[in-house]
Every structure is written in structure tokens, then in C-alpha cells.
Amino acid sequence: MTEEKDERLLVLEARQGSQEAFEQLVKLHEKRIYNLALRMAGNPEDAGELAQEAFLSAWRGLPAFKMECSFGTWLYRLASNACIDFLRKEKRRRVVSMTAVSEEDEEYQTEYPDLRYSPETELERREILDEIQRGLDSLSVEHRQILVMRELDSMTYAEIAEVLKLEEGTVKSRISRARVQLRGFLVSTGNFHPRVSSKEAEGGELHERV
């Protein structure tokens, strides 16, 4: 019996009120859900509460779960929505260290400065982290969410589209716009410098892709 079939049977049993079956579902997904919450909330305490909230929502919502998608996808959607609500209410953001763009999607990359510790660079490091924080704050919650899914959770476009109930083209467009906005903010601070691809260097022109 495959893992997918095992999960489906567990869902059916949990829908009938089996707490044991639901506990097994929790064990299957708790690590991924907690990691998502940690990346979005930025601290273990809030992450634990958000993960618990997602599982409680899943338990309560099981009778209405139509199994049109996998339980894991549905649960991830619940957790993601819980994180979005949390960020909107608390208005807290976590500094996320990520590549501004990937070679797969963009022809630019952000070149980060050398931040190895020394007494002379500590102040500069803090200033740069503050700029990154402000850059993330300048993004919408939705753009932060989709960047976390793509850059930190390594989800495919298809997976993101399924979770967010969007077309893949829309997902790609939003990710591209979010990256451009974040990179633009960071470059404007003077601490980050765009690096063009070899193709652009040969062409002598710099074109922004959205």
C-alpha cells in the first residue's frame, strides 16, 4: 500500500472521529507545517502556536474536507492562511536571507557584501540587516508568503498554484514581481548591487523582467 493510499485511509478514519488516525496524520506533516510557520513568524514560540492552530483547524474542518486535493496540500493551505492572518495582525516581519532571484527565473542576481564578523563591520552589518527588514516590510503579505514557498520551502510552481488556488502563470508573475520589488528596494539603499548575466553583458543592455 502506497503512502498516498495510507494517508487517504487515515483521513477517512479521522473524518469518522478517530483521534488516533488524526495523530498519525499530524506526525506525517508536523515537521513541514512547523517549518513553514517558523519561516513566516520568525520565532519558535509563535511558530508552535501557528502550527497547532493549523492542526486544530484541520481537525475541525475534516467533515467539510472534500478530498479534492491531498490532505497535505489542504493542511499547508490552512497553515499558510494562519500565518498570513498572524502577520497582518501582529505586523511583524522576519529577515529572510535569500537569493533575490534564481537563474531559472531571472537573469539578475543580487550580490551581497561580505558580512564576516569584525568589530569594524558589525555596525554596517546591522544597518544592512535593517535595510533588508525594511525591504521585506515594503512587500505585501502575499508576496512574502509566495517567496517563502518558492525560495525557502522549495515548492514547485504547480504546488504553489494548488495551495493558493491560482494559475501557474499567475504564480510565476507574482514571484517575479515580488523579487523585482525586493531587489529594487535593496539596490536603492546602496548596499546591494545588481549583477547582470553574461547574456546581458554581451548585449550591453539591462532589461527588467517581470
Protein backbone atom coordinates (compact mmCIF):
# COMPACT_ATOMS: atom_id res chain seq x y z
CA MET A 1 0.00 0.00 0.00
CA THR A 2 1.40 3.36 -1.00
CA GLU A 3 1.93 6.28 1.36
CA GLU A 4 -0.73 8.25 -0.53
CA LYS A 5 -3.26 5.47 0.00
CA ASP A 6 -2.23 5.16 3.63
CA GLU A 7 -2.84 8.87 4.12
CA ARG A 8 -6.19 8.70 2.38
CA LEU A 9 -7.30 5.88 4.69
CA LEU A 10 -6.12 7.84 7.71
CA VAL A 11 -8.12 10.85 6.54
CA LEU A 12 -11.24 8.72 6.11
CA GLU A 13 -10.80 7.27 9.59
CA ALA A 14 -10.14 10.69 11.09
CA ARG A 15 -13.31 12.01 9.45
CA GLN A 16 -15.16 9.29 11.31
CA GLY A 17 -13.79 10.66 14.58
CA SER A 18 -10.64 8.60 15.03
CA GLN A 19 -8.19 10.70 17.04
CA GLU A 20 -5.54 8.01 16.63
CA ALA A 21 -5.73 8.32 12.84
CA PHE A 22 -5.52 12.10 13.08
CA GLU A 23 -2.48 11.87 15.36
CA GLN A 24 -0.77 9.80 12.68
CA LEU A 25 -1.59 12.48 10.13
CA VAL A 26 -0.09 15.06 12.45
CA LYS A 27 3.13 13.04 12.71
CA LEU A 28 3.33 12.82 8.92
CA HIS A 29 3.09 16.58 8.42
CA GLU A 30 4.10 18.31 11.65
CA LYS A 31 7.70 18.98 10.61
CA ARG A 32 6.79 20.66 7.33
CA ILE A 33 3.99 22.70 8.90
CA TYR A 34 6.19 23.82 11.78
CA ASN A 35 8.99 24.82 9.40
CA LEU A 36 6.56 26.91 7.36
CA ALA A 37 5.28 28.64 10.48
CA LEU A 38 8.82 29.25 11.73
CA ARG A 39 9.88 30.84 8.44
CA MET A 40 6.83 33.07 8.36
CA ALA A 41 6.64 34.03 12.05
CA GLY A 42 10.36 34.09 12.76
CA ASN A 43 10.40 32.58 16.25
CA PRO A 44 9.73 29.13 17.76
CA GLU A 45 7.03 30.27 20.18
CA ASP A 46 4.75 31.79 17.55
CA ALA A 47 5.60 29.01 15.11
CA GLY A 48 4.46 26.37 17.58
CA GLU A 49 1.19 28.17 18.19
CA LEU A 50 0.55 28.66 14.48
CA ALA A 51 1.27 25.01 13.72
CA GLN A 52 -1.11 23.96 16.49
CA GLU A 53 -3.74 26.34 15.14
CA ALA A 54 -3.40 24.80 11.68
CA PHE A 55 -3.87 21.27 13.01
CA LEU A 56 -6.86 22.33 15.12
CA SER A 57 -8.40 23.93 12.06
CA ALA A 58 -7.80 20.72 10.13
CA TRP A 59 -9.43 18.59 12.83
CA ARG A 60 -12.46 20.84 12.97
CA GLY A 61 -12.67 21.12 9.20
CA LEU A 62 -12.30 17.44 8.37
CA PRO A 63 -16.06 16.85 7.96
CA ALA A 64 -16.13 19.52 5.24
CA PHE A 65 -12.87 18.39 3.57
CA LYS A 66 -13.92 17.11 0.14
CA MET A 67 -10.55 15.49 -0.63
CA GLU A 68 -10.32 17.31 -3.95
CA CYS A 69 -6.62 17.75 -3.18
CA SER A 70 -4.27 15.84 -0.92
CA PHE A 71 -4.59 16.24 2.83
CA GLY A 72 -1.04 17.62 2.89
CA THR A 73 -1.88 20.36 0.38
CA TRP A 74 -5.06 21.26 2.26
CA LEU A 75 -3.20 21.36 5.58
CA TYR A 76 -0.42 23.51 4.12
CA ARG A 77 -3.08 25.93 2.87
CA LEU A 78 -4.61 26.14 6.34
CA ALA A 79 -1.20 26.76 7.90
CA SER A 80 -0.28 29.35 5.30
CA ASN A 81 -3.53 31.22 5.88
CA ALA A 82 -2.96 31.13 9.64
CA CYS A 83 0.49 32.64 9.13
CA ILE A 84 -0.89 35.35 6.85
CA ASP A 85 -3.51 36.29 9.44
CA PHE A 86 -0.84 36.37 12.12
CA LEU A 87 1.44 38.66 10.13
CA ARG A 88 -1.38 41.01 9.30
CA LYS A 89 -2.43 41.28 12.92
CA GLU A 90 0.98 41.48 14.50
CA LYS A 91 2.68 43.36 11.66
CA ARG A 92 5.91 41.59 12.38
CA ARG A 93 8.34 40.53 9.75
CA ARG A 94 11.31 38.22 9.84
CA VAL A 95 14.51 38.97 7.98
CA VAL A 96 14.79 36.31 5.32
CA SER A 97 18.14 35.64 3.76
CA MET A 98 17.54 34.51 0.23
CA THR A 99 18.86 34.85 -3.25
CA ALA A 100 16.95 37.73 -4.77
CA VAL A 101 16.48 35.83 -7.97
CA SER A 102 17.25 32.36 -9.25
CA GLU A 103 18.91 31.61 -12.54
CA GLU A 104 15.81 29.67 -13.53
CA ASP A 105 13.54 32.69 -13.44
CA GLU A 106 15.64 35.84 -13.67
CA GLU A 107 18.82 36.94 -15.37
CA TYR A 108 19.90 39.14 -12.49
CA GLN A 109 21.28 38.26 -9.13
CA THR A 110 21.81 40.42 -6.10
CA GLU A 111 25.43 40.44 -4.99
CA TYR A 112 25.57 40.54 -1.21
CA PRO A 113 28.51 42.16 0.56
CA ASP A 114 30.95 40.21 2.69
CA LEU A 115 29.45 40.24 6.17
CA ARG A 116 32.03 38.15 8.01
CA TYR A 117 32.23 39.45 11.54
CA SER A 118 34.75 42.03 12.64
CA PRO A 119 34.37 44.99 15.01
CA GLU A 120 34.64 47.35 12.04
CA THR A 121 31.87 45.68 10.05
CA GLU A 122 29.39 44.99 12.86
CA LEU A 123 27.66 48.36 12.56
CA GLU A 124 27.50 48.05 8.79
CA ARG A 125 26.08 44.53 9.11
CA ARG A 126 23.31 45.76 11.39
CA GLU A 127 22.47 48.61 9.03
CA ILE A 128 22.25 46.20 6.09
CA LEU A 129 20.01 43.82 8.03
CA ASP A 130 17.79 46.77 8.90
CA GLU A 131 17.56 47.61 5.20
CA ILE A 132 16.63 44.01 4.38
CA GLN A 133 13.98 44.14 7.09
CA ARG A 134 12.53 47.34 5.65
CA GLY A 135 12.62 45.79 2.19
CA LEU A 136 10.56 42.84 3.36
CA ASP A 137 8.20 45.18 5.18
CA SER A 138 7.65 47.00 1.90
CA LEU A 139 6.26 43.83 0.31
CA SER A 140 2.68 42.76 0.67
CA VAL A 141 1.98 39.82 2.95
CA GLU A 142 1.00 37.81 -0.13
CA HIS A 143 4.36 38.46 -1.79
CA ARG A 144 6.20 37.46 1.36
CA GLN A 145 4.13 34.29 1.52
CA ILE A 146 4.83 33.30 -2.06
CA LEU A 147 8.57 33.98 -1.74
CA VAL A 148 8.76 31.80 1.36
CA MET A 149 7.00 29.00 -0.51
CA ARG A 150 9.30 29.23 -3.51
CA GLU A 151 12.67 30.24 -2.08
CA LEU A 152 12.63 28.67 1.38
CA ASP A 153 10.22 25.76 1.11
CA SER A 154 11.44 24.87 -2.40
CA MET A 155 7.92 24.33 -3.66
CA THR A 156 7.30 23.96 -7.38
CA TYR A 157 5.10 26.39 -9.25
CA ALA A 158 2.46 23.68 -9.55
CA GLU A 159 2.47 23.05 -5.80
CA ILE A 160 2.20 26.76 -5.01
CA ALA A 161 -0.61 27.12 -7.52
CA GLU A 162 -2.51 24.27 -5.90
CA VAL A 163 -2.10 25.66 -2.39
CA LEU A 164 -3.06 29.20 -3.34
CA LYS A 165 -5.67 28.15 -5.91
CA LEU A 166 -4.01 30.16 -8.65
CA GLU A 167 -2.92 29.53 -12.21
CA GLU A 168 0.77 28.68 -12.59
CA GLY A 169 1.25 31.72 -14.79
CA THR A 170 -0.12 33.93 -12.03
CA VAL A 171 2.21 32.30 -9.51
CA LYS A 172 5.26 32.93 -11.71
CA SER A 173 4.21 36.52 -12.29
CA ARG A 174 3.74 37.22 -8.58
CA ILE A 175 7.05 35.65 -7.66
CA SER A 176 8.82 37.65 -10.33
CA ARG A 177 7.22 40.91 -9.22
CA ALA A 178 8.00 40.22 -5.57
CA ARG A 179 11.64 39.53 -6.39
CA VAL A 180 11.92 42.66 -8.51
CA GLN A 181 10.35 44.80 -5.77
CA LEU A 182 12.57 43.37 -3.04
CA ARG A 183 15.70 43.64 -5.15
CA GLY A 184 14.82 47.18 -6.21
CA PHE A 185 14.42 48.28 -2.62
CA LEU A 186 17.72 46.69 -1.57
CA VAL A 187 19.62 48.15 -4.51
CA SER A 188 18.20 51.60 -3.74
CA THR A 189 19.85 51.54 -0.30
CA GLY A 190 23.29 51.45 -1.92
CA ASN A 191 24.35 48.33 -0.02
CA PHE A 192 23.43 45.86 -2.75
CA HIS A 193 24.50 45.78 -6.36
CA PRO A 194 22.75 44.05 -9.26
CA ARG A 195 24.90 41.69 -11.26
CA VAL A 196 23.95 41.15 -14.87
CA SER A 197 24.16 37.85 -16.68
CA SER A 198 26.70 37.12 -19.38
CA LYS A 199 23.94 37.43 -21.98
CA GLU A 200 23.13 40.95 -20.85
CA ALA A 201 26.80 41.89 -20.65
CA GLU A 202 27.24 40.85 -24.26
CA GLY A 203 24.17 42.76 -25.33
CA GLY A 204 25.20 45.87 -23.45
CA GLU A 205 21.68 46.47 -22.17
CA LEU A 206 19.88 45.85 -18.92
CA HIS A 207 16.24 44.83 -19.14
CA GLU A 208 13.98 44.20 -16.16
CA ARG A 209 11.79 41.15 -16.49
CA VAL A 210 8.54 40.97 -14.57
